[in-house]
């Protein structure tokens, strides 16, 4: 499998792990709409091939899809996984380039090996508990998703999932979730309370998710992280993750300056 095929496959797994409320597959482009969820859940995944002369037509079609739902069009752009020239077409149409991201991968065995000594107690559930969700929302709720909509998103996930919670006594201090999908496990929703950072809580969660993944024949793991999130980048490097590719988003309505 080529690098671009791997990237496309992982990003489509991500879309299944973060399922939008409404999805239309238009000639291989996934048009996703997720009102009230975090904005990246409702972006275009433009993986279907398109000749240069077709790109504007395809982009206009996507813009009409979002305009009909009162939303701005956003595209997820990964070089090699998207049609050549798409990023340039979007820039010329006034789309802003934003949110530089890193798609990272690791072997499940390597992540499991990095469990910290004397690690915290951790529990793994197959559904999100109220305590799990409250920690996640306390850390990430500012990203724009509404609580009810985020619960609904988790309920839409159809692949096997795990919700890990690191505990101090009876209190949850760090969480994360994984979704197993055809030999890979994606890591999502990593969140650690400020008072628990630097104490191995996040590594404990990752190791628990790796153990769960390995038991389900998912021998590789992947995740996405913002390229300016230095603490998270250090954590993932320490636990065995390496960048497969970078990607970014293009958002309509704002001229580049």
C-alpha atoms as a PDB file:
ATOM      1  CA  UNK A   1       0.000   0.000   0.000  1.00  0.00           C
ATOM      2  CA  UNK A   2       1.405   3.423  -0.952  1.00  0.00           C
ATOM      3  CA  UNK A   3       1.835   6.277   1.485  1.00  0.00           C
ATOM      4  CA  UNK A   4      -1.043   8.227  -0.045  1.00  0.00           C
ATOM      5  CA  UNK A   5      -3.320   5.164   0.179  1.00  0.00           C
ATOM      6  CA  UNK A   6      -2.386   4.757   3.845  1.00  0.00           C
ATOM      7  CA  UNK A   7      -3.176   8.413   4.537  1.00  0.00           C
ATOM      8  CA  UNK A   8      -6.529   8.189   2.764  1.00  0.00           C
ATOM      9  CA  UNK A   9      -7.371   5.013   4.641  1.00  0.00           C
ATOM     10  CA  UNK A  10      -6.538   6.507   8.031  1.00  0.00           C
ATOM     11  CA  UNK A  11      -8.465   9.696   7.373  1.00  0.00           C
ATOM     12  CA  UNK A  12     -11.501   7.698   6.303  1.00  0.00           C
ATOM     13  CA  UNK A  13     -11.182   5.640   9.491  1.00  0.00           C
ATOM     14  CA  UNK A  14     -11.094   8.935  11.375  1.00  0.00           C
ATOM     15  CA  UNK A  15     -14.297  10.029   9.658  1.00  0.00           C
ATOM     16  CA  UNK A  16     -15.952   6.806  10.825  1.00  0.00           C
ATOM     17  CA  UNK A  17     -14.676   7.379  14.363  1.00  0.00           C
ATOM     18  CA  UNK A  18     -15.961  10.981  14.307  1.00  0.00           C
ATOM     19  CA  UNK A  19     -19.155  10.401  12.339  1.00  0.00           C
ATOM     20  CA  UNK A  20     -20.997  13.445  11.074  1.00  0.00           C
ATOM     21  CA  UNK A  21     -24.770  13.618  11.376  1.00  0.00           C
ATOM     22  CA  UNK A  22     -25.173  13.830   7.604  1.00  0.00           C
ATOM     23  CA  UNK A  23     -22.759  12.471   4.971  1.00  0.00           C
ATOM     24  CA  UNK A  24     -23.023  12.497   1.191  1.00  0.00           C
ATOM     25  CA  UNK A  25     -20.493  10.671  -0.965  1.00  0.00           C
ATOM     26  CA  UNK A  26     -20.262  12.702  -4.184  1.00  0.00           C
ATOM     27  CA  UNK A  27     -17.861  11.088  -6.648  1.00  0.00           C
ATOM     28  CA  UNK A  28     -15.614  10.006  -3.794  1.00  0.00           C
ATOM     29  CA  UNK A  29     -15.712  13.301  -1.891  1.00  0.00           C
ATOM     30  CA  UNK A  30     -17.286  12.922   1.543  1.00  0.00           C
ATOM     31  CA  UNK A  31     -19.422  15.983   2.269  1.00  0.00           C
ATOM     32  CA  UNK A  32     -20.026  15.951   6.010  1.00  0.00           C
ATOM     33  CA  UNK A  33     -22.348  18.134   8.055  1.00  0.00           C
ATOM     34  CA  UNK A  34     -22.377  18.033  11.844  1.00  0.00           C
ATOM     35  CA  UNK A  35     -24.269  20.980  13.344  1.00  0.00           C
ATOM     36  CA  UNK A  36     -23.242  21.841  16.910  1.00  0.00           C
ATOM     37  CA  UNK A  37     -20.273  19.426  16.904  1.00  0.00           C
ATOM     38  CA  UNK A  38     -16.651  20.534  16.767  1.00  0.00           C
ATOM     39  CA  UNK A  39     -16.123  22.103  13.340  1.00  0.00           C
ATOM     40  CA  UNK A  40     -13.635  19.526  11.981  1.00  0.00           C
ATOM     41  CA  UNK A  41     -16.313  16.809  12.114  1.00  0.00           C
ATOM     42  CA  UNK A  42     -18.166  18.648   9.339  1.00  0.00           C
ATOM     43  CA  UNK A  43     -15.399  19.133   6.776  1.00  0.00           C
ATOM     44  CA  UNK A  44     -15.070  17.872   3.209  1.00  0.00           C
ATOM     45  CA  UNK A  45     -12.878  14.802   2.824  1.00  0.00           C
ATOM     46  CA  UNK A  46     -11.919  15.226  -0.864  1.00  0.00           C
ATOM     47  CA  UNK A  47     -10.355  11.875  -1.690  1.00  0.00           C
ATOM     48  CA  UNK A  48     -12.061  11.057  -4.973  1.00  0.00           C
ATOM     49  CA  UNK A  49     -10.002  11.696  -8.089  1.00  0.00           C
ATOM     50  CA  UNK A  50     -10.746  14.798 -10.132  1.00  0.00           C
ATOM     51  CA  UNK A  51      -9.051  16.180 -13.227  1.00  0.00           C
ATOM     52  CA  UNK A  52      -7.811  19.793 -12.969  1.00  0.00           C
ATOM     53  CA  UNK A  53     -10.638  21.006 -15.187  1.00  0.00           C
ATOM     54  CA  UNK A  54     -13.222  19.445 -12.869  1.00  0.00           C
ATOM     55  CA  UNK A  55     -11.978  20.902  -9.605  1.00  0.00           C
ATOM     56  CA  UNK A  56     -13.911  24.171  -9.689  1.00  0.00           C
ATOM     57  CA  UNK A  57     -17.147  22.332 -10.492  1.00  0.00           C
ATOM     58  CA  UNK A  58     -16.555  19.906  -7.636  1.00  0.00           C
ATOM     59  CA  UNK A  59     -15.744  22.728  -5.206  1.00  0.00           C
ATOM     60  CA  UNK A  60     -18.851  24.688  -6.226  1.00  0.00           C
ATOM     61  CA  UNK A  61     -20.951  21.587  -5.638  1.00  0.00           C
ATOM     62  CA  UNK A  62     -19.516  21.264  -2.131  1.00  0.00           C
ATOM     63  CA  UNK A  63     -20.147  24.951  -1.468  1.00  0.00           C
ATOM     64  CA  UNK A  64     -23.779  24.512  -2.469  1.00  0.00           C
ATOM     65  CA  UNK A  65     -24.093  21.528  -0.118  1.00  0.00           C
ATOM     66  CA  UNK A  66     -22.940  23.625   2.850  1.00  0.00           C
ATOM     67  CA  UNK A  67     -24.774  26.807   1.847  1.00  0.00           C
ATOM     68  CA  UNK A  68     -27.987  24.801   1.790  1.00  0.00           C
ATOM     69  CA  UNK A  69     -27.335  23.931   5.426  1.00  0.00           C
ATOM     70  CA  UNK A  70     -26.326  27.414   6.540  1.00  0.00           C
ATOM     71  CA  UNK A  71     -22.664  26.448   6.989  1.00  0.00           C
ATOM     72  CA  UNK A  72     -19.312  27.508   5.540  1.00  0.00           C
ATOM     73  CA  UNK A  73     -17.448  25.020   3.384  1.00  0.00           C
ATOM     74  CA  UNK A  74     -14.243  23.608   4.878  1.00  0.00           C
ATOM     75  CA  UNK A  75     -11.870  21.171   3.213  1.00  0.00           C
ATOM     76  CA  UNK A  76      -9.330  18.837   4.783  1.00  0.00           C
ATOM     77  CA  UNK A  77      -6.203  18.963   2.614  1.00  0.00           C
ATOM     78  CA  UNK A  78      -3.540  16.259   2.640  1.00  0.00           C
ATOM     79  CA  UNK A  79      -1.008  16.381  -0.161  1.00  0.00           C
ATOM     80  CA  UNK A  80      -0.996  13.109  -2.078  1.00  0.00           C
ATOM     81  CA  UNK A  81      -4.369  12.052  -0.692  1.00  0.00           C
ATOM     82  CA  UNK A  82      -6.356  14.854  -2.383  1.00  0.00           C
ATOM     83  CA  UNK A  83      -6.601  15.739  -6.080  1.00  0.00           C
ATOM     84  CA  UNK A  84      -3.573  17.631  -7.311  1.00  0.00           C
ATOM     85  CA  UNK A  85      -4.240  21.355  -7.553  1.00  0.00           C
ATOM     86  CA  UNK A  86      -7.153  21.430  -5.100  1.00  0.00           C
ATOM     87  CA  UNK A  87      -5.298  23.485  -2.510  1.00  0.00           C
ATOM     88  CA  UNK A  88      -4.409  26.085  -5.152  1.00  0.00           C
ATOM     89  CA  UNK A  89      -8.001  26.259  -6.417  1.00  0.00           C
ATOM     90  CA  UNK A  90      -9.285  26.837  -2.889  1.00  0.00           C
ATOM     91  CA  UNK A  91      -6.695  29.539  -2.200  1.00  0.00           C
ATOM     92  CA  UNK A  92      -7.716  31.378  -5.378  1.00  0.00           C
ATOM     93  CA  UNK A  93     -11.344  31.210  -4.251  1.00  0.00           C
ATOM     94  CA  UNK A  94     -10.439  32.991  -1.020  1.00  0.00           C
ATOM     95  CA  UNK A  95     -10.248  30.027   1.335  1.00  0.00           C
ATOM     96  CA  UNK A  96      -8.112  30.607   4.418  1.00  0.00           C
ATOM     97  CA  UNK A  97      -5.412  28.048   5.241  1.00  0.00           C
ATOM     98  CA  UNK A  98      -5.573  27.107   8.926  1.00  0.00           C
ATOM     99  CA  UNK A  99      -5.132  24.444  11.609  1.00  0.00           C
ATOM    100  CA  UNK A 100      -1.856  22.770  10.680  1.00  0.00           C
ATOM    101  CA  UNK A 101      -2.082  19.146  11.811  1.00  0.00           C
ATOM    102  CA  UNK A 102       0.106  16.067  12.127  1.00  0.00           C
ATOM    103  CA  UNK A 103      -1.144  12.552  11.355  1.00  0.00           C
ATOM    104  CA  UNK A 104       0.962  10.174  13.444  1.00  0.00           C
ATOM    105  CA  UNK A 105       1.286   6.385  13.671  1.00  0.00           C
ATOM    106  CA  UNK A 106       2.869   3.862  16.031  1.00  0.00           C
ATOM    107  CA  UNK A 107       2.974   0.131  16.589  1.00  0.00           C
ATOM    108  CA  UNK A 108       0.534  -0.973  19.255  1.00  0.00           C
ATOM    109  CA  UNK A 109       3.249  -3.024  20.961  1.00  0.00           C
ATOM    110  CA  UNK A 110       5.549   0.011  21.177  1.00  0.00           C
ATOM    111  CA  UNK A 111       2.855   2.159  22.820  1.00  0.00           C
ATOM    112  CA  UNK A 112       2.080  -0.597  25.306  1.00  0.00           C
ATOM    113  CA  UNK A 113       5.757  -0.843  26.231  1.00  0.00           C
ATOM    114  CA  UNK A 114       5.793   2.818  27.285  1.00  0.00           C
ATOM    115  CA  UNK A 115       3.339   2.388  30.167  1.00  0.00           C
ATOM    116  CA  UNK A 116       4.837   4.350  33.081  1.00  0.00           C
ATOM    117  CA  UNK A 117       6.105   2.475  36.120  1.00  0.00           C
ATOM    118  CA  UNK A 118       3.774   2.686  39.087  1.00  0.00           C
ATOM    119  CA  UNK A 119       1.033   3.842  36.768  1.00  0.00           C
ATOM    120  CA  UNK A 120      -2.361   5.021  37.950  1.00  0.00           C
ATOM    121  CA  UNK A 121      -5.346   2.733  38.125  1.00  0.00           C
ATOM    122  CA  UNK A 122      -7.217   2.748  34.826  1.00  0.00           C
ATOM    123  CA  UNK A 123     -10.598   1.436  33.769  1.00  0.00           C
ATOM    124  CA  UNK A 124     -11.699   0.758  30.203  1.00  0.00           C
ATOM    125  CA  UNK A 125     -15.372   0.836  29.235  1.00  0.00           C
ATOM    126  CA  UNK A 126     -16.990   0.075  25.904  1.00  0.00           C
ATOM    127  CA  UNK A 127     -19.207   3.156  26.197  1.00  0.00           C
ATOM    128  CA  UNK A 128     -18.539   6.664  27.513  1.00  0.00           C
ATOM    129  CA  UNK A 129     -19.415   7.086  31.169  1.00  0.00           C
ATOM    130  CA  UNK A 130     -20.636  10.368  32.601  1.00  0.00           C
ATOM    131  CA  UNK A 131     -17.311  10.788  34.450  1.00  0.00           C
ATOM    132  CA  UNK A 132     -15.341  10.108  31.237  1.00  0.00           C
ATOM    133  CA  UNK A 133     -17.352  12.654  29.295  1.00  0.00           C
ATOM    134  CA  UNK A 134     -17.124  15.329  31.995  1.00  0.00           C
ATOM    135  CA  UNK A 135     -13.308  15.219  31.981  1.00  0.00           C
ATOM    136  CA  UNK A 136     -13.186  15.285  28.199  1.00  0.00           C
ATOM    137  CA  UNK A 137     -15.630  18.204  28.045  1.00  0.00           C
ATOM    138  CA  UNK A 138     -13.832  20.132  30.796  1.00  0.00           C
ATOM    139  CA  UNK A 139     -10.648  20.104  28.700  1.00  0.00           C
ATOM    140  CA  UNK A 140     -12.035  20.304  25.156  1.00  0.00           C
ATOM    141  CA  UNK A 141     -15.498  21.814  25.423  1.00  0.00           C
ATOM    142  CA  UNK A 142     -14.166  25.221  24.335  1.00  0.00           C
ATOM    143  CA  UNK A 143     -13.673  23.849  20.796  1.00  0.00           C
ATOM    144  CA  UNK A 144     -17.261  24.662  20.004  1.00  0.00           C
ATOM    145  CA  UNK A 145     -19.148  21.400  20.306  1.00  0.00           C
ATOM    146  CA  UNK A 146     -22.333  21.300  22.354  1.00  0.00           C
ATOM    147  CA  UNK A 147     -22.583  18.655  25.052  1.00  0.00           C
ATOM    148  CA  UNK A 148     -25.708  16.940  23.676  1.00  0.00           C
ATOM    149  CA  UNK A 149     -24.355  16.904  20.127  1.00  0.00           C
ATOM    150  CA  UNK A 150     -21.051  15.389  21.262  1.00  0.00           C
ATOM    151  CA  UNK A 151     -22.924  12.640  23.119  1.00  0.00           C
ATOM    152  CA  UNK A 152     -24.896  12.005  19.932  1.00  0.00           C
ATOM    153  CA  UNK A 153     -21.673  11.795  17.902  1.00  0.00           C
ATOM    154  CA  UNK A 154     -20.284   9.117  20.211  1.00  0.00           C
ATOM    155  CA  UNK A 155     -23.540   7.184  19.908  1.00  0.00           C
ATOM    156  CA  UNK A 156     -23.169   7.163  16.109  1.00  0.00           C
ATOM    157  CA  UNK A 157     -19.815   5.328  16.172  1.00  0.00           C
ATOM    158  CA  UNK A 158     -20.409   1.849  14.749  1.00  0.00           C
ATOM    159  CA  UNK A 159     -16.921   0.333  15.084  1.00  0.00           C
ATOM    160  CA  UNK A 160     -15.703  -1.228  18.366  1.00  0.00           C
ATOM    161  CA  UNK A 161     -14.606   1.433  20.836  1.00  0.00           C
ATOM    162  CA  UNK A 162     -12.866   1.791  24.188  1.00  0.00           C
ATOM    163  CA  UNK A 163     -13.111   4.620  26.709  1.00  0.00           C
ATOM    164  CA  UNK A 164     -10.157   4.682  29.104  1.00  0.00           C
ATOM    165  CA  UNK A 165     -10.138   6.619  32.385  1.00  0.00           C
ATOM    166  CA  UNK A 166      -7.076   7.071  34.607  1.00  0.00           C
ATOM    167  CA  UNK A 167      -8.065   7.315  38.262  1.00  0.00           C
ATOM    168  CA  UNK A 168      -6.712   8.887  41.426  1.00  0.00           C
ATOM    169  CA  UNK A 169      -8.748   7.255  44.131  1.00  0.00           C
ATOM    170  CA  UNK A 170     -12.291   7.373  42.788  1.00  0.00           C
ATOM    171  CA  UNK A 171     -11.692  10.501  40.694  1.00  0.00           C
ATOM    172  CA  UNK A 172     -11.068  10.436  36.947  1.00  0.00           C
ATOM    173  CA  UNK A 173      -8.117  12.674  36.046  1.00  0.00           C
ATOM    174  CA  UNK A 174      -7.368  11.715  32.415  1.00  0.00           C
ATOM    175  CA  UNK A 175      -9.284  10.104  29.578  1.00  0.00           C
ATOM    176  CA  UNK A 176      -8.978   8.951  25.987  1.00  0.00           C
ATOM    177  CA  UNK A 177     -10.819   6.739  23.561  1.00  0.00           C
ATOM    178  CA  UNK A 178      -9.876   4.366  20.764  1.00  0.00           C
ATOM    179  CA  UNK A 179     -11.786   2.977  17.800  1.00  0.00           C
ATOM    180  CA  UNK A 180     -10.699  -0.282  16.138  1.00  0.00           C
ATOM    181  CA  UNK A 181     -11.128  -0.410  12.379  1.00  0.00           C
ATOM    182  CA  UNK A 182      -9.585  -3.036  10.054  1.00  0.00           C
ATOM    183  CA  UNK A 183      -6.243  -3.581  11.746  1.00  0.00           C
ATOM    184  CA  UNK A 184      -5.790  -0.051  13.091  1.00  0.00           C
ATOM    185  CA  UNK A 185      -6.899   1.680  16.295  1.00  0.00           C
ATOM    186  CA  UNK A 186      -7.426   5.423  16.201  1.00  0.00           C
ATOM    187  CA  UNK A 187      -6.832   7.456  19.362  1.00  0.00           C
ATOM    188  CA  UNK A 188      -9.232  10.319  20.088  1.00  0.00           C
ATOM    189  CA  UNK A 189     -10.413  12.480  22.953  1.00  0.00           C
ATOM    190  CA  UNK A 190      -7.186  12.545  24.949  1.00  0.00           C
ATOM    191  CA  UNK A 191      -7.668  14.906  27.891  1.00  0.00           C
ATOM    192  CA  UNK A 192      -5.884  15.367  31.220  1.00  0.00           C
ATOM    193  CA  UNK A 193      -6.888  17.697  34.043  1.00  0.00           C
ATOM    194  CA  UNK A 194      -4.284  20.376  34.715  1.00  0.00           C
ATOM    195  CA  UNK A 195      -3.470  19.096  38.199  1.00  0.00           C
ATOM    196  CA  UNK A 196      -2.677  15.609  36.856  1.00  0.00           C
ATOM    197  CA  UNK A 197      -0.332  16.620  34.042  1.00  0.00           C
ATOM    198  CA  UNK A 198       3.267  15.468  34.144  1.00  0.00           C
ATOM    199  CA  UNK A 199       2.427  12.458  36.343  1.00  0.00           C
ATOM    200  CA  UNK A 200       2.061   9.770  33.698  1.00  0.00           C
ATOM    201  CA  UNK A 201      -1.737   9.920  33.461  1.00  0.00           C
ATOM    202  CA  UNK A 202      -1.868  10.383  29.693  1.00  0.00           C
ATOM    203  CA  UNK A 203       0.704   7.634  29.090  1.00  0.00           C
ATOM    204  CA  UNK A 204      -1.335   5.347  31.331  1.00  0.00           C
ATOM    205  CA  UNK A 205      -4.413   6.039  29.202  1.00  0.00           C
ATOM    206  CA  UNK A 206      -2.496   5.420  25.959  1.00  0.00           C
ATOM    207  CA  UNK A 207      -1.083   2.147  27.273  1.00  0.00           C
ATOM    208  CA  UNK A 208      -4.558   0.979  28.306  1.00  0.00           C
ATOM    209  CA  UNK A 209      -5.900   1.806  24.848  1.00  0.00           C
ATOM    210  CA  UNK A 210      -2.964  -0.027  23.267  1.00  0.00           C
ATOM    211  CA  UNK A 211      -3.715  -3.109  25.366  1.00  0.00           C
ATOM    212  CA  UNK A 212      -7.328  -2.981  24.265  1.00  0.00           C
ATOM    213  CA  UNK A 213      -6.297  -2.506  20.611  1.00  0.00           C
ATOM    214  CA  UNK A 214      -3.849  -5.401  20.675  1.00  0.00           C
ATOM    215  CA  UNK A 215      -6.546  -7.709  21.980  1.00  0.00           C
ATOM    216  CA  UNK A 216      -8.617  -6.805  18.902  1.00  0.00           C
ATOM    217  CA  UNK A 217      -5.920  -7.515  16.317  1.00  0.00           C
ATOM    218  CA  UNK A 218      -5.211  -3.824  15.762  1.00  0.00           C
ATOM    219  CA  UNK A 219      -1.416  -3.861  15.661  1.00  0.00           C
ATOM    220  CA  UNK A 220      -1.056  -0.255  14.519  1.00  0.00           C
ATOM    221  CA  UNK A 221      -2.357   2.956  16.096  1.00  0.00           C
ATOM    222  CA  UNK A 222      -2.863   6.450  14.709  1.00  0.00           C
ATOM    223  CA  UNK A 223      -3.879   9.884  15.941  1.00  0.00           C
ATOM    224  CA  UNK A 224      -4.052  13.515  14.875  1.00  0.00           C
ATOM    225  CA  UNK A 225      -2.458  16.366  16.799  1.00  0.00           C
ATOM    226  CA  UNK A 226      -2.074  20.101  16.225  1.00  0.00           C
ATOM    227  CA  UNK A 227       1.454  20.952  15.121  1.00  0.00           C
ATOM    228  CA  UNK A 228       1.642  23.822  17.623  1.00  0.00           C
ATOM    229  CA  UNK A 229       0.620  21.635  20.595  1.00  0.00           C
ATOM    230  CA  UNK A 230       4.145  21.017  21.861  1.00  0.00           C
ATOM    231  CA  UNK A 231       3.236  19.154  25.098  1.00  0.00           C
ATOM    232  CA  UNK A 232       1.073  16.693  23.132  1.00  0.00           C
ATOM    233  CA  UNK A 233       3.757  16.251  20.464  1.00  0.00           C
ATOM    234  CA  UNK A 234       6.305  15.405  23.160  1.00  0.00           C
ATOM    235  CA  UNK A 235       3.900  12.941  24.786  1.00  0.00           C
ATOM    236  CA  UNK A 236       3.216  11.115  21.546  1.00  0.00           C
ATOM    237  CA  UNK A 237       6.864  11.021  20.536  1.00  0.00           C
ATOM    238  CA  UNK A 238       7.722   9.559  23.931  1.00  0.00           C
ATOM    239  CA  UNK A 239       5.129   6.831  23.485  1.00  0.00           C
ATOM    240  CA  UNK A 240       6.365   5.785  20.048  1.00  0.00           C
ATOM    241  CA  UNK A 241       4.328   7.838  17.572  1.00  0.00           C
ATOM    242  CA  UNK A 242       5.946   9.300  14.458  1.00  0.00           C
ATOM    243  CA  UNK A 243       4.514  11.620  11.833  1.00  0.00           C
ATOM    244  CA  UNK A 244       3.170   9.994   8.689  1.00  0.00           C
ATOM    245  CA  UNK A 245       2.170  13.290   7.067  1.00  0.00           C
ATOM    246  CA  UNK A 246       1.036  16.814   7.761  1.00  0.00           C
ATOM    247  CA  UNK A 247      -2.283  18.241   6.651  1.00  0.00           C
ATOM    248  CA  UNK A 248      -4.326  21.402   7.014  1.00  0.00           C
ATOM    249  CA  UNK A 249      -7.772  22.827   6.420  1.00  0.00           C
ATOM    250  CA  UNK A 250      -9.133  25.425   4.008  1.00  0.00           C
ATOM    251  CA  UNK A 251     -12.108  27.476   5.184  1.00  0.00           C
ATOM    252  CA  UNK A 252     -14.326  29.559   2.885  1.00  0.00           C
ATOM    253  CA  UNK A 253     -15.171  33.181   3.389  1.00  0.00           C
ATOM    254  CA  UNK A 254     -11.913  34.840   4.386  1.00  0.00           C
ATOM    255  CA  UNK A 255      -9.288  36.081   1.959  1.00  0.00           C
ATOM    256  CA  UNK A 256      -5.688  35.157   2.705  1.00  0.00           C
ATOM    257  CA  UNK A 257      -3.544  38.027   3.834  1.00  0.00           C
END
